[in-house]
Amino acid sequence: MRPLGIPTVLDRLIQQALLEVLTPVFDPAFSEHSYGFRPGRSAHDAVEAARRYVEEGYGWVVDLDIEKFFDRVNHDVLMARVARRVRDKRVLRLIRRYLQAGVMVEGVAVRTDEGTPQGGPLSPLLANILLDELDKELERRGHRFVRYADDCRLNHYLRGWLAYFHVADALSALEDIEGWLHRRLRACVWSSHAPTGSARGCLTSLKAIAVPAMPDEPPGADPHAGWCGRSGA
């Protein structure tokens, strides 16, 4: 569990404006190995990068996660990094005030002296600004790595369910499993909606509750197979 710093509508608007201005200032200098919360980059890109490392023959994977990173960010260190590229003191003061805005704990506002409150548009950019130094050090040491926010893999990054696995080798196996589950679940529904035991009655009952047929039945197949599953399935 982690306290979230959910900004008000006005604060969210201001943070988004800061993000739109600061992203072009900082993002071009970020490491090519950083993929989290950056324009034009996604988890799929991170997966592809990790796969390229595997195809190049790198077989060892080291999974790193910085414990309580967002809770322990030192404000002075972070602001020093921001001040390297931002000279406007009003902007710097505004960012620090957002960092110190605090969170609600059991209805009481608690000031935050460290960490970046998650929940606002600005937090991911601030995290990347601080972690870019880690990226540069890993590059200096010659490591092949992929970083997504505070999660880093020195060579595999997979997330999500079937839609995300189109970039992974597990897709065909997952499709087979999903198809089997669909057929079995439809068979269960078929059995539970058999008022007279006749196929026509089952079919009418299933259509009445809007249970669709399987879309991949071949032409000429059993007209009931789309609902009850293929023979031998």
C-alpha atoms as a PDB file:
ATOM      1  CA  MET A   1       0.000   0.000   0.000  1.00  0.00           C
ATOM      2  CA  ARG A   2       1.290   3.457  -0.909  1.00  0.00           C
ATOM      3  CA  PRO A   3      -0.257   6.906  -0.255  1.00  0.00           C
ATOM      4  CA  LEU A   4      -1.346   8.606  -3.464  1.00  0.00           C
ATOM      5  CA  GLY A   5      -1.175  12.338  -4.122  1.00  0.00           C
ATOM      6  CA  ILE A   6      -4.288  12.868  -6.244  1.00  0.00           C
ATOM      7  CA  PRO A   7      -4.318  16.517  -7.380  1.00  0.00           C
ATOM      8  CA  THR A   8      -7.436  18.646  -7.670  1.00  0.00           C
ATOM      9  CA  VAL A   9      -8.706  19.559 -11.135  1.00  0.00           C
ATOM     10  CA  LEU A  10      -6.866  22.909 -11.075  1.00  0.00           C
ATOM     11  CA  ASP A  11      -3.618  21.341  -9.838  1.00  0.00           C
ATOM     12  CA  ARG A  12      -3.885  18.577 -12.429  1.00  0.00           C
ATOM     13  CA  LEU A  13      -4.274  21.203 -15.150  1.00  0.00           C
ATOM     14  CA  ILE A  14      -1.193  23.070 -13.921  1.00  0.00           C
ATOM     15  CA  GLN A  15       0.852  19.881 -13.601  1.00  0.00           C
ATOM     16  CA  GLN A  16      -0.141  18.826 -17.112  1.00  0.00           C
ATOM     17  CA  ALA A  17       0.943  22.237 -18.411  1.00  0.00           C
ATOM     18  CA  LEU A  18       4.303  21.832 -16.660  1.00  0.00           C
ATOM     19  CA  LEU A  19       4.633  18.352 -18.154  1.00  0.00           C
ATOM     20  CA  GLU A  20       3.958  19.609 -21.684  1.00  0.00           C
ATOM     21  CA  VAL A  21       6.675  22.264 -21.320  1.00  0.00           C
ATOM     22  CA  LEU A  22       9.279  20.217 -19.447  1.00  0.00           C
ATOM     23  CA  THR A  23       9.062  16.977 -21.456  1.00  0.00           C
ATOM     24  CA  PRO A  24      10.731  18.447 -24.576  1.00  0.00           C
ATOM     25  CA  VAL A  25      13.451  19.858 -22.307  1.00  0.00           C
ATOM     26  CA  PHE A  26      14.346  16.607 -20.538  1.00  0.00           C
ATOM     27  CA  ASP A  27      13.145  13.700 -22.679  1.00  0.00           C
ATOM     28  CA  PRO A  28      15.625  14.004 -25.587  1.00  0.00           C
ATOM     29  CA  ALA A  29      18.518  13.550 -23.148  1.00  0.00           C
ATOM     30  CA  PHE A  30      17.065  10.436 -21.500  1.00  0.00           C
ATOM     31  CA  SER A  31      18.627   7.029 -22.093  1.00  0.00           C
ATOM     32  CA  GLU A  32      17.468   4.949 -25.035  1.00  0.00           C
ATOM     33  CA  HIS A  33      17.019   2.097 -22.559  1.00  0.00           C
ATOM     34  CA  SER A  34      14.246   3.933 -20.667  1.00  0.00           C
ATOM     35  CA  TYR A  35      10.681   3.122 -21.813  1.00  0.00           C
ATOM     36  CA  GLY A  36       8.296   4.041 -18.998  1.00  0.00           C
ATOM     37  CA  PHE A  37       6.019   7.095 -19.270  1.00  0.00           C
ATOM     38  CA  ARG A  38       7.786   8.562 -22.286  1.00  0.00           C
ATOM     39  CA  PRO A  39       6.161   9.870 -25.477  1.00  0.00           C
ATOM     40  CA  GLY A  40       6.264   7.423 -28.360  1.00  0.00           C
ATOM     41  CA  ARG A  41       7.331   4.500 -26.144  1.00  0.00           C
ATOM     42  CA  SER A  42       5.373   1.652 -24.617  1.00  0.00           C
ATOM     43  CA  ALA A  43       5.652  -1.649 -22.764  1.00  0.00           C
ATOM     44  CA  HIS A  44       5.625  -3.390 -26.156  1.00  0.00           C
ATOM     45  CA  ASP A  45       8.775  -1.494 -27.150  1.00  0.00           C
ATOM     46  CA  ALA A  46      10.416  -2.625 -23.921  1.00  0.00           C
ATOM     47  CA  VAL A  47       9.491  -6.247 -24.682  1.00  0.00           C
ATOM     48  CA  GLU A  48      10.960  -6.004 -28.173  1.00  0.00           C
ATOM     49  CA  ALA A  49      14.191  -4.535 -26.823  1.00  0.00           C
ATOM     50  CA  ALA A  50      14.494  -7.361 -24.300  1.00  0.00           C
ATOM     51  CA  ARG A  51      13.840  -9.936 -27.018  1.00  0.00           C
ATOM     52  CA  ARG A  52      16.604  -8.482 -29.161  1.00  0.00           C
ATOM     53  CA  TYR A  53      19.052  -8.970 -26.299  1.00  0.00           C
ATOM     54  CA  VAL A  54      17.988 -12.611 -25.978  1.00  0.00           C
ATOM     55  CA  GLU A  55      18.357 -13.129 -29.729  1.00  0.00           C
ATOM     56  CA  GLU A  56      21.852 -11.650 -29.511  1.00  0.00           C
ATOM     57  CA  GLY A  57      22.771 -14.468 -27.160  1.00  0.00           C
ATOM     58  CA  TYR A  58      22.434 -12.862 -23.729  1.00  0.00           C
ATOM     59  CA  GLY A  59      20.853 -15.581 -21.614  1.00  0.00           C
ATOM     60  CA  TRP A  60      21.057 -14.240 -18.068  1.00  0.00           C
ATOM     61  CA  VAL A  61      18.259 -12.006 -16.731  1.00  0.00           C
ATOM     62  CA  VAL A  62      18.608  -9.832 -13.613  1.00  0.00           C
ATOM     63  CA  ASP A  63      15.358  -8.268 -12.388  1.00  0.00           C
ATOM     64  CA  LEU A  64      15.773  -5.062 -10.366  1.00  0.00           C
ATOM     65  CA  ASP A  65      13.128  -3.109  -8.512  1.00  0.00           C
ATOM     66  CA  ILE A  66      14.051  -0.121  -6.360  1.00  0.00           C
ATOM     67  CA  GLU A  67      12.325  -0.703  -3.030  1.00  0.00           C
ATOM     68  CA  LYS A  68       9.887   2.114  -2.159  1.00  0.00           C
ATOM     69  CA  PHE A  69      11.515   4.366  -4.744  1.00  0.00           C
ATOM     70  CA  PHE A  70       8.601   6.775  -5.090  1.00  0.00           C
ATOM     71  CA  ASP A  71       8.313   7.027  -1.303  1.00  0.00           C
ATOM     72  CA  ARG A  72      11.967   7.834  -0.665  1.00  0.00           C
ATOM     73  CA  VAL A  73      12.976  10.333  -3.335  1.00  0.00           C
ATOM     74  CA  ASN A  74      15.101  13.062  -1.769  1.00  0.00           C
ATOM     75  CA  HIS A  75      13.555  16.403  -2.711  1.00  0.00           C
ATOM     76  CA  ASP A  76      16.830  18.335  -2.632  1.00  0.00           C
ATOM     77  CA  VAL A  77      18.582  15.827  -4.908  1.00  0.00           C
ATOM     78  CA  LEU A  78      15.661  15.772  -7.333  1.00  0.00           C
ATOM     79  CA  MET A  79      15.332  19.562  -7.449  1.00  0.00           C
ATOM     80  CA  ALA A  80      19.067  19.873  -8.090  1.00  0.00           C
ATOM     81  CA  ARG A  81      18.626  17.635 -11.158  1.00  0.00           C
ATOM     82  CA  VAL A  82      15.669  19.688 -12.371  1.00  0.00           C
ATOM     83  CA  ALA A  83      17.539  22.968 -11.810  1.00  0.00           C
ATOM     84  CA  ARG A  84      20.279  21.866 -14.215  1.00  0.00           C
ATOM     85  CA  ARG A  85      17.901  22.544 -17.108  1.00  0.00           C
ATOM     86  CA  VAL A  86      15.236  24.808 -15.591  1.00  0.00           C
ATOM     87  CA  ARG A  87      16.360  28.294 -14.621  1.00  0.00           C
ATOM     88  CA  ASP A  88      12.992  29.875 -13.818  1.00  0.00           C
ATOM     89  CA  LYS A  89      12.844  29.978 -10.013  1.00  0.00           C
ATOM     90  CA  ARG A  90       9.059  30.300 -10.074  1.00  0.00           C
ATOM     91  CA  VAL A  91       8.773  26.951 -11.849  1.00  0.00           C
ATOM     92  CA  LEU A  92      11.225  25.354  -9.427  1.00  0.00           C
ATOM     93  CA  ARG A  93       9.278  26.656  -6.430  1.00  0.00           C
ATOM     94  CA  LEU A  94       6.034  25.352  -7.912  1.00  0.00           C
ATOM     95  CA  ILE A  95       7.469  21.872  -8.469  1.00  0.00           C
ATOM     96  CA  ARG A  96       8.818  21.726  -4.921  1.00  0.00           C
ATOM     97  CA  ARG A  97       5.458  22.760  -3.527  1.00  0.00           C
ATOM     98  CA  TYR A  98       3.799  19.915  -5.389  1.00  0.00           C
ATOM     99  CA  LEU A  99       6.381  17.524  -3.962  1.00  0.00           C
ATOM    100  CA  GLN A 100       5.587  18.769  -0.453  1.00  0.00           C
ATOM    101  CA  ALA A 101       1.817  19.003  -0.923  1.00  0.00           C
ATOM    102  CA  GLY A 102       1.292  15.996   1.341  1.00  0.00           C
ATOM    103  CA  VAL A 103      -1.281  13.218   1.501  1.00  0.00           C
ATOM    104  CA  MET A 104      -4.403  12.474   3.500  1.00  0.00           C
ATOM    105  CA  VAL A 105      -3.952   9.816   6.203  1.00  0.00           C
ATOM    106  CA  GLU A 106      -7.234   8.902   7.920  1.00  0.00           C
ATOM    107  CA  GLY A 107      -8.644  12.299   7.049  1.00  0.00           C
ATOM    108  CA  VAL A 108      -5.600  14.259   8.232  1.00  0.00           C
ATOM    109  CA  ALA A 109      -3.291  16.105   5.812  1.00  0.00           C
ATOM    110  CA  VAL A 110       0.310  14.953   6.298  1.00  0.00           C
ATOM    111  CA  ARG A 111       3.188  16.935   4.798  1.00  0.00           C
ATOM    112  CA  THR A 112       5.605  14.955   2.621  1.00  0.00           C
ATOM    113  CA  ASP A 113       9.277  15.712   3.167  1.00  0.00           C
ATOM    114  CA  GLU A 114      10.481  12.998   0.791  1.00  0.00           C
ATOM    115  CA  GLY A 115       9.107  11.021  -2.134  1.00  0.00           C
ATOM    116  CA  THR A 116       7.117  11.974  -5.215  1.00  0.00           C
ATOM    117  CA  PRO A 117       3.341  11.716  -4.625  1.00  0.00           C
ATOM    118  CA  GLN A 118       1.958   9.335  -7.255  1.00  0.00           C
ATOM    119  CA  GLY A 119      -1.307  10.177  -8.960  1.00  0.00           C
ATOM    120  CA  GLY A 120      -0.424  13.408 -10.747  1.00  0.00           C
ATOM    121  CA  PRO A 121       0.794  13.933 -14.326  1.00  0.00           C
ATOM    122  CA  LEU A 122       4.168  15.340 -13.239  1.00  0.00           C
ATOM    123  CA  SER A 123       5.353  12.451 -11.029  1.00  0.00           C
ATOM    124  CA  PRO A 124       6.486  10.048 -13.815  1.00  0.00           C
ATOM    125  CA  LEU A 125       8.647  12.717 -15.462  1.00  0.00           C
ATOM    126  CA  LEU A 126      10.288  13.628 -12.151  1.00  0.00           C
ATOM    127  CA  ALA A 127      11.020   9.934 -11.538  1.00  0.00           C
ATOM    128  CA  ASN A 128      12.655   9.596 -14.954  1.00  0.00           C
ATOM    129  CA  ILE A 129      14.748  12.717 -14.335  1.00  0.00           C
ATOM    130  CA  LEU A 130      16.163  11.192 -11.163  1.00  0.00           C
ATOM    131  CA  LEU A 131      16.607   7.671 -12.560  1.00  0.00           C
ATOM    132  CA  ASP A 132      18.343   8.855 -15.720  1.00  0.00           C
ATOM    133  CA  GLU A 133      21.566   8.957 -13.738  1.00  0.00           C
ATOM    134  CA  LEU A 134      21.147   5.236 -13.010  1.00  0.00           C
ATOM    135  CA  ASP A 135      20.618   4.596 -16.732  1.00  0.00           C
ATOM    136  CA  LYS A 136      23.796   6.438 -17.624  1.00  0.00           C
ATOM    137  CA  GLU A 137      25.794   4.475 -15.057  1.00  0.00           C
ATOM    138  CA  LEU A 138      24.492   1.147 -16.387  1.00  0.00           C
ATOM    139  CA  GLU A 139      25.396   2.267 -19.893  1.00  0.00           C
ATOM    140  CA  ARG A 140      28.872   3.272 -18.751  1.00  0.00           C
ATOM    141  CA  ARG A 141      29.359  -0.255 -17.386  1.00  0.00           C
ATOM    142  CA  GLY A 142      28.296  -1.765 -20.710  1.00  0.00           C
ATOM    143  CA  HIS A 143      25.112  -3.482 -19.510  1.00  0.00           C
ATOM    144  CA  ARG A 144      22.221  -4.389 -21.825  1.00  0.00           C
ATOM    145  CA  PHE A 145      19.096  -3.406 -19.946  1.00  0.00           C
ATOM    146  CA  VAL A 146      15.500  -2.239 -20.178  1.00  0.00           C
ATOM    147  CA  ARG A 147      14.038   0.150 -17.600  1.00  0.00           C
ATOM    148  CA  TYR A 148      10.341   0.835 -17.118  1.00  0.00           C
ATOM    149  CA  ALA A 149       9.865   3.430 -14.340  1.00  0.00           C
ATOM    150  CA  ASP A 150      11.574   2.000 -11.213  1.00  0.00           C
ATOM    151  CA  ASP A 151      11.511  -1.536 -12.614  1.00  0.00           C
ATOM    152  CA  CYS A 152      14.618  -2.622 -14.518  1.00  0.00           C
ATOM    153  CA  ARG A 153      15.580  -5.841 -16.256  1.00  0.00           C
ATOM    154  CA  LEU A 154      19.158  -6.450 -17.151  1.00  0.00           C
ATOM    155  CA  ASN A 155      18.190  -8.416 -20.000  1.00  0.00           C
ATOM    156  CA  HIS A 156      12.724  -9.624 -20.107  1.00  0.00           C
ATOM    157  CA  TYR A 157       9.763  -7.647 -19.696  1.00  0.00           C
ATOM    158  CA  LEU A 158       6.280  -9.139 -20.152  1.00  0.00           C
ATOM    159  CA  ARG A 159       3.002  -7.771 -18.851  1.00  0.00           C
ATOM    160  CA  GLY A 160      -0.709  -8.082 -19.481  1.00  0.00           C
ATOM    161  CA  TRP A 161      -2.878 -10.859 -20.935  1.00  0.00           C
ATOM    162  CA  LEU A 162      -3.582 -12.017 -24.467  1.00  0.00           C
ATOM    163  CA  ALA A 163      -3.477  -8.587 -26.139  1.00  0.00           C
ATOM    164  CA  TYR A 164       0.022  -7.941 -24.831  1.00  0.00           C
ATOM    165  CA  PHE A 165       1.408 -11.346 -25.762  1.00  0.00           C
ATOM    166  CA  HIS A 166       1.368 -10.712 -29.507  1.00  0.00           C
ATOM    167  CA  VAL A 167       5.051  -9.829 -29.086  1.00  0.00           C
ATOM    168  CA  ALA A 168       5.845 -12.970 -27.091  1.00  0.00           C
ATOM    169  CA  ASP A 169       6.346 -16.611 -28.027  1.00  0.00           C
ATOM    170  CA  ALA A 170       3.540 -17.658 -25.671  1.00  0.00           C
ATOM    171  CA  LEU A 171       0.758 -16.305 -27.913  1.00  0.00           C
ATOM    172  CA  SER A 172      -0.183 -19.568 -29.661  1.00  0.00           C
ATOM    173  CA  ALA A 173      -0.364 -21.486 -26.386  1.00  0.00           C
ATOM    174  CA  LEU A 174      -2.556 -18.808 -24.815  1.00  0.00           C
ATOM    175  CA  GLU A 175      -4.871 -18.782 -27.831  1.00  0.00           C
ATOM    176  CA  ASP A 176      -5.291 -22.565 -27.543  1.00  0.00           C
ATOM    177  CA  ILE A 177      -6.072 -22.270 -23.822  1.00  0.00           C
ATOM    178  CA  GLU A 178      -8.545 -19.439 -24.403  1.00  0.00           C
ATOM    179  CA  GLY A 179     -10.307 -21.403 -27.136  1.00  0.00           C
ATOM    180  CA  TRP A 180     -10.571 -24.478 -24.910  1.00  0.00           C
ATOM    181  CA  LEU A 181     -12.008 -22.380 -22.064  1.00  0.00           C
ATOM    182  CA  HIS A 182     -14.574 -20.793 -24.385  1.00  0.00           C
ATOM    183  CA  ARG A 183     -15.758 -24.193 -25.615  1.00  0.00           C
ATOM    184  CA  ARG A 184     -15.979 -25.677 -22.131  1.00  0.00           C
ATOM    185  CA  LEU A 185     -17.832 -22.687 -20.681  1.00  0.00           C
ATOM    186  CA  ARG A 186     -20.319 -22.741 -23.541  1.00  0.00           C
ATOM    187  CA  ALA A 187     -20.850 -26.446 -22.981  1.00  0.00           C
ATOM    188  CA  CYS A 188     -21.691 -25.721 -19.328  1.00  0.00           C
ATOM    189  CA  VAL A 189     -24.156 -23.000 -20.316  1.00  0.00           C
ATOM    190  CA  TRP A 190     -25.646 -25.347 -22.913  1.00  0.00           C
ATOM    191  CA  SER A 191     -26.279 -28.005 -20.274  1.00  0.00           C
ATOM    192  CA  SER A 192     -27.767 -25.577 -17.746  1.00  0.00           C
ATOM    193  CA  HIS A 193     -30.232 -24.191 -20.322  1.00  0.00           C
ATOM    194  CA  ALA A 194     -31.671 -27.459 -21.518  1.00  0.00           C
ATOM    195  CA  PRO A 195     -35.329 -27.213 -20.423  1.00  0.00           C
ATOM    196  CA  THR A 196     -36.487 -30.266 -22.391  1.00  0.00           C
ATOM    197  CA  GLY A 197     -33.174 -31.851 -23.279  1.00  0.00           C
ATOM    198  CA  SER A 198     -33.679 -31.186 -26.981  1.00  0.00           C
ATOM    199  CA  ALA A 199     -30.967 -29.467 -29.042  1.00  0.00           C
ATOM    200  CA  ARG A 200     -33.495 -27.023 -30.482  1.00  0.00           C
ATOM    201  CA  GLY A 201     -34.663 -26.028 -27.007  1.00  0.00           C
ATOM    202  CA  CYS A 202     -31.066 -25.507 -25.816  1.00  0.00           C
ATOM    203  CA  LEU A 203     -30.247 -23.443 -28.865  1.00  0.00           C
ATOM    204  CA  THR A 204     -33.333 -21.249 -28.443  1.00  0.00           C
ATOM    205  CA  SER A 205     -32.557 -20.743 -24.762  1.00  0.00           C
ATOM    206  CA  LEU A 206     -28.951 -19.735 -25.418  1.00  0.00           C
ATOM    207  CA  LYS A 207     -29.948 -17.277 -28.133  1.00  0.00           C
ATOM    208  CA  ALA A 208     -32.517 -15.772 -25.772  1.00  0.00           C
ATOM    209  CA  ILE A 209     -29.804 -14.844 -23.279  1.00  0.00           C
ATOM    210  CA  ALA A 210     -27.579 -13.493 -26.087  1.00  0.00           C
ATOM    211  CA  VAL A 211     -24.848 -16.150 -25.940  1.00  0.00           C
ATOM    212  CA  PRO A 212     -23.071 -15.772 -29.303  1.00  0.00           C
ATOM    213  CA  ALA A 213     -21.793 -18.626 -31.431  1.00  0.00           C
ATOM    214  CA  MET A 214     -18.069 -19.258 -31.749  1.00  0.00           C
ATOM    215  CA  PRO A 215     -16.922 -17.103 -34.687  1.00  0.00           C
ATOM    216  CA  ASP A 216     -14.465 -19.640 -36.102  1.00  0.00           C
ATOM    217  CA  GLU A 217     -16.765 -22.586 -36.906  1.00  0.00           C
ATOM    218  CA  PRO A 218     -16.025 -23.962 -40.416  1.00  0.00           C
ATOM    219  CA  PRO A 219     -18.763 -23.995 -43.081  1.00  0.00           C
ATOM    220  CA  GLY A 220     -20.932 -27.105 -42.898  1.00  0.00           C
ATOM    221  CA  ALA A 221     -20.141 -27.805 -39.261  1.00  0.00           C
ATOM    222  CA  ASP A 222     -22.737 -28.974 -36.804  1.00  0.00           C
ATOM    223  CA  PRO A 223     -25.089 -25.949 -36.450  1.00  0.00           C
ATOM    224  CA  HIS A 224     -25.068 -26.417 -32.683  1.00  0.00           C
ATOM    225  CA  ALA A 225     -21.279 -26.767 -32.352  1.00  0.00           C
ATOM    226  CA  GLY A 226     -20.776 -23.028 -32.078  1.00  0.00           C
ATOM    227  CA  TRP A 227     -22.540 -23.072 -28.738  1.00  0.00           C
ATOM    228  CA  CYS A 228     -21.751 -26.467 -27.248  1.00  0.00           C
ATOM    229  CA  GLY A 229     -18.176 -26.976 -28.441  1.00  0.00           C
ATOM    230  CA  ARG A 230     -16.555 -29.167 -31.091  1.00  0.00           C
ATOM    231  CA  SER A 231     -16.693 -32.916 -31.049  1.00  0.00           C
ATOM    232  CA  GLY A 232     -13.995 -34.315 -28.767  1.00  0.00           C
ATOM    233  CA  ALA A 233     -13.138 -30.895 -27.295  1.00  0.00           C
END
